[in-house]
Amino acid sequence: MGTPRTPAARTPVRLAALTVGVVFLLVGVLGFVPGVTSDVDDLQFAGHQSGALLLGVFQVSILHNIVHLLFGVAGVVLARSWSGARNFLIGGGVVYLLLWIYGMLVGHDTAANFVPVNTADNWLHLVLGIGMVALGLLLSLRRVTTTH
């Protein structure tokens, strides 16, 4: 007989990954919602020409929103296991740190800015990267085990 699933099986790292995944899903959906995203009529598939701004601050495109949705799905799915959750938080955090570097190096009005990102996105990516890596490392220092 298998071990029954209990709420105790939800470790802090799994809950963090699930929460981050759900937030990314929400952000991905909200990137298409008029009112939450200004100038939705200017939403482009990709590239710096997209004039849509999530919350009036963060530049988004269809591609950018799809990436948020996929990242969210990955977080929700990987939160099903301790190692998956840890890998999502740390690996995803590293991806966001690399995206921050990318955003700092490419000109915002160049073809290389295909995501697209603006200054607000860049600093959010830095905070997300540091936060996700920190959550992944700190919440997995001691793996919680349950006994029945």
C-alpha atoms as a PDB file:
ATOM      1  CA  MET A   1       0.000   0.000   0.000  1.00  0.00           C
ATOM      2  CA  GLY A   2       1.357   3.461  -0.888  1.00  0.00           C
ATOM      3  CA  THR A   3       1.929   6.312   1.498  1.00  0.00           C
ATOM      4  CA  PRO A   4      -1.218   8.431   1.838  1.00  0.00           C
ATOM      5  CA  ARG A   5      -1.011  12.019   0.680  1.00  0.00           C
ATOM      6  CA  THR A   6      -1.345  14.454   3.542  1.00  0.00           C
ATOM      7  CA  PRO A   7      -1.074  18.216   3.799  1.00  0.00           C
ATOM      8  CA  ALA A   8       2.258  17.605   5.578  1.00  0.00           C
ATOM      9  CA  ALA A   9       3.627  16.357   2.242  1.00  0.00           C
ATOM     10  CA  ARG A  10       3.425  19.954   1.023  1.00  0.00           C
ATOM     11  CA  THR A  11       6.861  21.237   1.881  1.00  0.00           C
ATOM     12  CA  PRO A  12       7.699  24.954   1.956  1.00  0.00           C
ATOM     13  CA  VAL A  13       9.703  24.694  -1.271  1.00  0.00           C
ATOM     14  CA  ARG A  14       6.770  23.009  -3.033  1.00  0.00           C
ATOM     15  CA  LEU A  15       4.335  25.646  -1.795  1.00  0.00           C
ATOM     16  CA  ALA A  16       6.690  28.423  -2.917  1.00  0.00           C
ATOM     17  CA  ALA A  17       7.039  26.919  -6.394  1.00  0.00           C
ATOM     18  CA  LEU A  18       3.276  26.473  -6.657  1.00  0.00           C
ATOM     19  CA  THR A  19       2.678  30.064  -5.563  1.00  0.00           C
ATOM     20  CA  VAL A  20       5.245  31.443  -8.009  1.00  0.00           C
ATOM     21  CA  GLY A  21       3.766  29.299 -10.791  1.00  0.00           C
ATOM     22  CA  VAL A  22       0.233  30.538 -10.104  1.00  0.00           C
ATOM     23  CA  VAL A  23       1.442  34.149 -10.038  1.00  0.00           C
ATOM     24  CA  PHE A  24       3.114  33.675 -13.434  1.00  0.00           C
ATOM     25  CA  LEU A  25      -0.108  32.175 -14.823  1.00  0.00           C
ATOM     26  CA  LEU A  26      -2.031  35.175 -13.516  1.00  0.00           C
ATOM     27  CA  VAL A  27       0.481  37.636 -14.985  1.00  0.00           C
ATOM     28  CA  GLY A  28       0.365  35.821 -18.339  1.00  0.00           C
ATOM     29  CA  VAL A  29      -3.426  36.091 -18.493  1.00  0.00           C
ATOM     30  CA  LEU A  30      -3.499  39.697 -17.245  1.00  0.00           C
ATOM     31  CA  GLY A  31      -1.081  40.661 -20.029  1.00  0.00           C
ATOM     32  CA  PHE A  32      -4.002  40.229 -22.442  1.00  0.00           C
ATOM     33  CA  VAL A  33      -6.656  42.004 -20.350  1.00  0.00           C
ATOM     34  CA  PRO A  34      -7.582  45.557 -21.360  1.00  0.00           C
ATOM     35  CA  GLY A  35      -7.524  47.904 -18.408  1.00  0.00           C
ATOM     36  CA  VAL A  36      -4.935  45.859 -16.549  1.00  0.00           C
ATOM     37  CA  THR A  37      -2.714  46.128 -19.615  1.00  0.00           C
ATOM     38  CA  SER A  38      -2.786  49.548 -21.224  1.00  0.00           C
ATOM     39  CA  ASP A  39      -2.719  49.948 -24.999  1.00  0.00           C
ATOM     40  CA  VAL A  40      -3.699  46.315 -25.650  1.00  0.00           C
ATOM     41  CA  ASP A  41      -4.450  47.415 -29.228  1.00  0.00           C
ATOM     42  CA  ASP A  42      -0.683  47.986 -29.629  1.00  0.00           C
ATOM     43  CA  LEU A  43       0.153  44.442 -28.456  1.00  0.00           C
ATOM     44  CA  GLN A  44       2.562  42.886 -30.975  1.00  0.00           C
ATOM     45  CA  PHE A  45       3.592  39.239 -31.191  1.00  0.00           C
ATOM     46  CA  ALA A  46       7.213  40.088 -30.376  1.00  0.00           C
ATOM     47  CA  GLY A  47       9.652  42.947 -30.622  1.00  0.00           C
ATOM     48  CA  HIS A  48      10.251  46.310 -29.060  1.00  0.00           C
ATOM     49  CA  GLN A  49       7.427  47.894 -31.086  1.00  0.00           C
ATOM     50  CA  SER A  50       4.811  46.427 -28.748  1.00  0.00           C
ATOM     51  CA  GLY A  51       3.233  49.380 -26.996  1.00  0.00           C
ATOM     52  CA  ALA A  52       1.230  47.384 -24.460  1.00  0.00           C
ATOM     53  CA  LEU A  53       2.132  47.928 -20.794  1.00  0.00           C
ATOM     54  CA  LEU A  54       1.078  45.554 -18.031  1.00  0.00           C
ATOM     55  CA  LEU A  55      -0.101  47.679 -15.094  1.00  0.00           C
ATOM     56  CA  GLY A  56       0.920  50.673 -17.207  1.00  0.00           C
ATOM     57  CA  VAL A  57       4.592  49.963 -16.443  1.00  0.00           C
ATOM     58  CA  PHE A  58       5.918  46.635 -17.785  1.00  0.00           C
ATOM     59  CA  GLN A  59       6.244  46.274 -21.560  1.00  0.00           C
ATOM     60  CA  VAL A  60       4.625  43.073 -22.806  1.00  0.00           C
ATOM     61  CA  SER A  61       4.010  41.316 -26.089  1.00  0.00           C
ATOM     62  CA  ILE A  62       2.073  38.208 -27.038  1.00  0.00           C
ATOM     63  CA  LEU A  63       5.336  36.241 -26.831  1.00  0.00           C
ATOM     64  CA  HIS A  64       6.144  37.743 -23.418  1.00  0.00           C
ATOM     65  CA  ASN A  65       2.678  36.763 -22.129  1.00  0.00           C
ATOM     66  CA  ILE A  66       2.987  33.246 -23.548  1.00  0.00           C
ATOM     67  CA  VAL A  67       6.357  32.849 -21.817  1.00  0.00           C
ATOM     68  CA  HIS A  68       4.738  33.900 -18.522  1.00  0.00           C
ATOM     69  CA  LEU A  69       1.970  31.334 -19.060  1.00  0.00           C
ATOM     70  CA  LEU A  70       4.444  28.544 -19.898  1.00  0.00           C
ATOM     71  CA  PHE A  71       6.612  29.476 -16.920  1.00  0.00           C
ATOM     72  CA  GLY A  72       3.504  29.333 -14.739  1.00  0.00           C
ATOM     73  CA  VAL A  73       2.522  25.902 -16.035  1.00  0.00           C
ATOM     74  CA  ALA A  74       6.073  24.683 -15.390  1.00  0.00           C
ATOM     75  CA  GLY A  75       5.936  25.980 -11.814  1.00  0.00           C
ATOM     76  CA  VAL A  76       2.591  24.334 -11.080  1.00  0.00           C
ATOM     77  CA  VAL A  77       3.675  21.005 -12.598  1.00  0.00           C
ATOM     78  CA  LEU A  78       7.138  20.986 -11.008  1.00  0.00           C
ATOM     79  CA  ALA A  79       5.668  21.893  -7.602  1.00  0.00           C
ATOM     80  CA  ARG A  80       4.325  18.336  -7.483  1.00  0.00           C
ATOM     81  CA  SER A  81       7.703  17.107  -6.212  1.00  0.00           C
ATOM     82  CA  TRP A  82      10.298  18.482  -3.831  1.00  0.00           C
ATOM     83  CA  SER A  83      13.147  18.248  -6.365  1.00  0.00           C
ATOM     84  CA  GLY A  84      11.011  19.650  -9.183  1.00  0.00           C
ATOM     85  CA  ALA A  85       9.983  22.608  -7.038  1.00  0.00           C
ATOM     86  CA  ARG A  86      13.576  23.287  -5.989  1.00  0.00           C
ATOM     87  CA  ASN A  87      14.808  23.026  -9.583  1.00  0.00           C
ATOM     88  CA  PHE A  88      12.025  25.317 -10.839  1.00  0.00           C
ATOM     89  CA  LEU A  89      12.821  28.013  -8.285  1.00  0.00           C
ATOM     90  CA  ILE A  90      16.598  27.887  -8.662  1.00  0.00           C
ATOM     91  CA  GLY A  91      16.688  27.240 -12.419  1.00  0.00           C
ATOM     92  CA  GLY A  92      13.899  29.720 -13.119  1.00  0.00           C
ATOM     93  CA  GLY A  93      15.652  32.284 -10.940  1.00  0.00           C
ATOM     94  CA  VAL A  94      18.846  31.831 -12.937  1.00  0.00           C
ATOM     95  CA  VAL A  95      16.851  32.283 -16.158  1.00  0.00           C
ATOM     96  CA  TYR A  96      15.467  35.557 -14.815  1.00  0.00           C
ATOM     97  CA  LEU A  97      18.934  36.737 -13.793  1.00  0.00           C
ATOM     98  CA  LEU A  98      20.141  35.993 -17.328  1.00  0.00           C
ATOM     99  CA  LEU A  99      17.119  37.850 -18.700  1.00  0.00           C
ATOM    100  CA  TRP A 100      18.044  40.812 -16.476  1.00  0.00           C
ATOM    101  CA  ILE A 101      21.581  40.813 -17.937  1.00  0.00           C
ATOM    102  CA  TYR A 102      20.126  40.501 -21.454  1.00  0.00           C
ATOM    103  CA  GLY A 103      17.809  43.448 -20.800  1.00  0.00           C
ATOM    104  CA  MET A 104      20.670  45.554 -19.466  1.00  0.00           C
ATOM    105  CA  LEU A 105      22.851  44.834 -22.509  1.00  0.00           C
ATOM    106  CA  VAL A 106      20.406  45.193 -25.409  1.00  0.00           C
ATOM    107  CA  GLY A 107      19.101  48.541 -26.517  1.00  0.00           C
ATOM    108  CA  HIS A 108      15.407  48.867 -25.832  1.00  0.00           C
ATOM    109  CA  ASP A 109      14.769  50.212 -29.335  1.00  0.00           C
ATOM    110  CA  THR A 110      16.738  47.548 -31.213  1.00  0.00           C
ATOM    111  CA  ALA A 111      15.681  44.372 -32.996  1.00  0.00           C
ATOM    112  CA  ALA A 112      17.613  42.405 -30.353  1.00  0.00           C
ATOM    113  CA  ASN A 113      14.917  43.414 -27.844  1.00  0.00           C
ATOM    114  CA  PHE A 114      12.516  40.783 -29.185  1.00  0.00           C
ATOM    115  CA  VAL A 115      11.012  39.784 -25.812  1.00  0.00           C
ATOM    116  CA  PRO A 116      10.427  42.912 -25.286  1.00  0.00           C
ATOM    117  CA  VAL A 117      11.766  44.391 -22.059  1.00  0.00           C
ATOM    118  CA  ASN A 118      11.943  47.911 -20.694  1.00  0.00           C
ATOM    119  CA  THR A 119      13.716  49.373 -17.651  1.00  0.00           C
ATOM    120  CA  ALA A 120      10.891  48.349 -15.290  1.00  0.00           C
ATOM    121  CA  ASP A 121      11.012  44.777 -16.658  1.00  0.00           C
ATOM    122  CA  ASN A 122      14.768  44.662 -16.169  1.00  0.00           C
ATOM    123  CA  TRP A 123      14.615  45.546 -12.487  1.00  0.00           C
ATOM    124  CA  LEU A 124      11.664  43.229 -11.908  1.00  0.00           C
ATOM    125  CA  HIS A 125      13.655  40.414 -13.524  1.00  0.00           C
ATOM    126  CA  LEU A 126      16.553  41.085 -11.147  1.00  0.00           C
ATOM    127  CA  VAL A 127      14.256  40.957  -8.097  1.00  0.00           C
ATOM    128  CA  LEU A 128      12.497  37.826  -9.399  1.00  0.00           C
ATOM    129  CA  GLY A 129      15.790  36.102 -10.130  1.00  0.00           C
ATOM    130  CA  ILE A 130      17.267  36.811  -6.706  1.00  0.00           C
ATOM    131  CA  GLY A 131      13.977  35.985  -4.967  1.00  0.00           C
ATOM    132  CA  MET A 132      13.431  32.688  -6.770  1.00  0.00           C
ATOM    133  CA  VAL A 133      17.004  31.480  -6.265  1.00  0.00           C
ATOM    134  CA  ALA A 134      16.852  32.502  -2.588  1.00  0.00           C
ATOM    135  CA  LEU A 135      13.537  30.673  -2.090  1.00  0.00           C
ATOM    136  CA  GLY A 136      14.849  27.569  -3.824  1.00  0.00           C
ATOM    137  CA  LEU A 137      18.035  27.492  -1.752  1.00  0.00           C
ATOM    138  CA  LEU A 138      16.698  28.579   1.624  1.00  0.00           C
ATOM    139  CA  LEU A 139      13.535  26.489   1.587  1.00  0.00           C
ATOM    140  CA  SER A 140      15.403  23.348   0.576  1.00  0.00           C
ATOM    141  CA  LEU A 141      18.241  23.538   3.112  1.00  0.00           C
ATOM    142  CA  ARG A 142      16.562  20.873   5.190  1.00  0.00           C
ATOM    143  CA  ARG A 143      14.317  18.488   3.336  1.00  0.00           C
ATOM    144  CA  VAL A 144      11.209  17.861   5.382  1.00  0.00           C
ATOM    145  CA  THR A 145      10.240  14.230   5.807  1.00  0.00           C
ATOM    146  CA  THR A 146       7.103  12.913   7.382  1.00  0.00           C
ATOM    147  CA  THR A 147       6.623   9.692   9.315  1.00  0.00           C
ATOM    148  CA  HIS A 148       3.341   7.896   9.777  1.00  0.00           C
END
